[in-house]
C-alpha cells in the first residue's frame, strides 16, 4: 500500500515536470509567433524599459491565457486517459499529444492571421483594451485544445 503511494507520487512528479516543460515550450512558441518579447507586452514595458499599465496588452494576456489553458487541457486529458497504461507509454502519449497541441495551435494561429484582415500577431500585442481579433484567436486556441482532447483515446 505504501509502495503504491510512493509510485503514485513519483508518477505525479514526473508528469508535473513534463507538463510544466511543455507549457513553458508553448509559451515560448507563442512568443516566437508574436513580435517583440511577449513578456514585455504582458508586463507593459515601453521602448525605454519603463513599466507602465498604459503599455500592457490585454489582448496578449487573453491570447496567452487561452493558449496555455488549451495546452494544459490537452496534457490533462492525455494523463487522465492514459494513466492506467504502462507509465512509459502514458508519458510518451502525454509528450506526443502535448507537442501536437502546441503545433496545431501554432498552425491555427497562422491560419487565422492569413484569413482575417490585419496582422493578428501585431494586433494581439498592441497595448490597451482587448481587441476583437484577440478574442477570436483565444477562442480558436481553446477550440483546438478541445478537439485534441476529444481525439485522445
Protein backbone atom coordinates (compact mmCIF):
# COMPACT_ATOMS: atom_id res chain seq x y z
CA UNK A 1 0.00 0.00 0.00
CA UNK A 2 2.77 2.43 0.94
CA UNK A 3 4.70 1.48 -2.22
CA UNK A 4 1.62 2.30 -4.30
CA UNK A 5 1.52 5.75 -2.73
CA UNK A 6 5.22 6.31 -3.43
CA UNK A 7 4.76 5.17 -7.05
CA UNK A 8 1.75 7.47 -7.49
CA UNK A 9 3.66 10.44 -6.05
CA UNK A 10 6.64 9.67 -8.29
CA UNK A 11 4.39 9.49 -11.37
CA UNK A 12 2.70 12.75 -10.39
CA UNK A 13 6.07 14.47 -10.02
CA UNK A 14 7.28 13.22 -13.42
CA UNK A 15 4.02 14.26 -15.11
CA UNK A 16 4.21 17.69 -13.44
CA UNK A 17 7.76 18.26 -14.68
CA UNK A 18 6.87 17.11 -18.21
CA UNK A 19 3.68 19.19 -18.31
CA UNK A 20 5.47 22.22 -16.90
CA UNK A 21 8.20 21.93 -19.52
CA UNK A 22 5.64 21.61 -22.32
CA UNK A 23 3.70 24.64 -21.06
CA UNK A 24 6.91 26.67 -20.97
CA UNK A 25 7.58 25.49 -24.53
CA UNK A 26 4.04 26.51 -25.54
CA UNK A 27 4.63 29.98 -24.09
CA UNK A 28 7.92 30.37 -25.97
CA UNK A 29 6.35 29.21 -29.23
CA UNK A 30 3.66 31.88 -28.86
CA UNK A 31 6.43 34.35 -28.02
CA UNK A 32 8.15 33.42 -31.30
CA UNK A 33 4.91 33.91 -33.23
CA UNK A 34 4.34 37.40 -31.90
CA UNK A 35 6.52 40.49 -32.48
CA UNK A 36 8.75 41.70 -29.69
CA UNK A 37 9.02 40.00 -26.34
CA UNK A 38 5.69 38.58 -25.16
CA UNK A 39 6.60 39.09 -21.51
CA UNK A 40 7.13 42.79 -22.10
CA UNK A 41 3.72 43.09 -23.76
CA UNK A 42 2.15 41.36 -20.77
CA UNK A 43 4.11 43.36 -18.21
CA UNK A 44 3.66 46.67 -20.01
CA UNK A 45 7.22 47.75 -20.69
CA UNK A 46 7.78 50.61 -23.14
CA UNK A 47 10.72 51.16 -25.52
CA UNK A 48 12.81 52.71 -22.75
CA UNK A 49 12.28 49.76 -20.42
CA UNK A 50 9.87 51.62 -18.15
CA UNK A 51 6.94 49.63 -16.83
CA UNK A 52 3.54 51.24 -17.38
CA UNK A 53 -0.03 49.97 -17.32
CA UNK A 54 -0.55 52.03 -20.49
CA UNK A 55 1.78 49.68 -22.36
CA UNK A 56 0.16 46.44 -21.17
CA UNK A 57 -1.57 44.40 -23.84
CA UNK A 58 -4.79 42.91 -22.54
CA UNK A 59 -5.15 41.16 -25.91
CA UNK A 60 -1.81 39.43 -25.39
CA UNK A 61 -2.92 38.41 -21.90
CA UNK A 62 -6.15 36.91 -23.23
CA UNK A 63 -4.48 35.01 -26.08
CA UNK A 64 -1.61 33.79 -23.88
CA UNK A 65 -4.05 32.60 -21.20
CA UNK A 66 -6.22 30.76 -23.72
CA UNK A 67 -3.12 29.28 -25.36
CA UNK A 68 -1.82 27.93 -22.02
CA UNK A 69 -5.22 26.65 -20.87
CA UNK A 70 -5.71 24.92 -24.23
CA UNK A 71 -2.37 23.15 -23.98
CA UNK A 72 -2.85 22.33 -20.29
CA UNK A 73 -6.20 20.69 -21.08
CA UNK A 74 -4.50 18.53 -23.72
CA UNK A 75 -1.89 17.46 -21.18
CA UNK A 76 -4.53 16.83 -18.51
CA UNK A 77 -6.64 14.73 -20.87
CA UNK A 78 -3.67 12.71 -22.05
CA UNK A 79 -2.61 11.92 -18.49
CA UNK A 80 -6.19 11.18 -17.43
CA UNK A 81 -6.97 8.88 -20.37
CA UNK A 82 -3.63 7.05 -20.41
CA UNK A 83 -2.84 6.88 -16.70
CA UNK A 84 -3.84 3.22 -16.49
CA UNK A 85 -1.43 2.12 -19.22
CA UNK A 86 2.23 1.43 -18.56
CA UNK A 87 3.91 4.53 -17.15
CA UNK A 88 6.39 4.83 -20.03
CA UNK A 89 3.65 4.64 -22.65
CA UNK A 90 1.46 7.10 -20.77
CA UNK A 91 4.38 9.51 -20.50
CA UNK A 92 5.06 9.10 -24.22
CA UNK A 93 1.41 9.78 -25.09
CA UNK A 94 1.44 12.88 -22.91
CA UNK A 95 4.60 14.18 -24.55
CA UNK A 96 3.36 13.42 -28.08
CA UNK A 97 -0.10 14.94 -27.60
CA UNK A 98 1.44 17.91 -25.79
CA UNK A 99 3.71 18.64 -28.76
CA UNK A 100 0.82 18.04 -31.16
CA UNK A 101 -1.36 20.55 -29.27
CA UNK A 102 1.38 23.19 -29.42
CA UNK A 103 1.97 22.56 -33.12
CA UNK A 104 -1.73 22.64 -34.00
CA UNK A 105 -2.29 25.84 -32.00
CA UNK A 106 0.65 27.40 -33.87
CA UNK A 107 -0.73 26.39 -37.26
CA UNK A 108 -4.22 27.64 -36.45
CA UNK A 109 -2.81 30.95 -35.15
CA UNK A 110 -1.10 31.45 -38.51
CA UNK A 111 -4.21 30.33 -40.42
CA UNK A 112 -6.39 32.82 -38.54
CA UNK A 113 -3.86 35.53 -39.32
CA UNK A 114 -3.95 34.56 -43.01
CA UNK A 115 -7.74 34.60 -43.35
CA UNK A 116 -8.56 37.72 -41.33
CA UNK A 117 -7.76 41.32 -42.21
CA UNK A 118 -4.85 42.91 -40.42
CA UNK A 119 -1.83 41.33 -38.82
CA UNK A 120 -3.00 39.15 -35.93
CA UNK A 121 0.49 38.94 -34.45
CA UNK A 122 0.71 42.71 -34.15
CA UNK A 123 -2.91 43.20 -33.10
CA UNK A 124 -2.68 40.82 -30.14
CA UNK A 125 0.41 42.58 -28.79
CA UNK A 126 -0.85 46.17 -29.08
CA UNK A 127 -1.25 47.94 -25.75
CA UNK A 128 -4.68 48.72 -24.48
CA UNK A 129 -8.04 47.01 -24.33
CA UNK A 130 -8.78 43.57 -25.72
CA UNK A 131 -9.18 43.67 -29.48
CA UNK A 132 -11.96 41.57 -31.13
CA UNK A 133 -9.43 39.62 -33.19
CA UNK A 134 -7.67 38.61 -29.96
CA UNK A 135 -10.97 37.17 -28.69
CA UNK A 136 -11.21 35.13 -31.90
CA UNK A 137 -7.61 33.94 -31.51
CA UNK A 138 -8.31 32.92 -27.91
CA UNK A 139 -11.45 31.04 -28.95
CA UNK A 140 -9.53 29.23 -31.68
CA UNK A 141 -6.84 28.19 -29.19
CA UNK A 142 -9.45 26.79 -26.79
CA UNK A 143 -11.23 25.06 -29.68
CA UNK A 144 -8.00 23.43 -30.82
CA UNK A 145 -7.42 22.19 -27.28
CA UNK A 146 -10.93 20.75 -27.10
CA UNK A 147 -10.55 18.98 -30.44
CA UNK A 148 -7.20 17.46 -29.49
CA UNK A 149 -8.64 16.39 -26.13
CA UNK A 150 -11.51 14.65 -27.88
CA UNK A 151 -9.07 12.74 -30.07
CA UNK A 152 -7.10 11.29 -27.17
CA UNK A 153 -8.09 7.67 -26.66
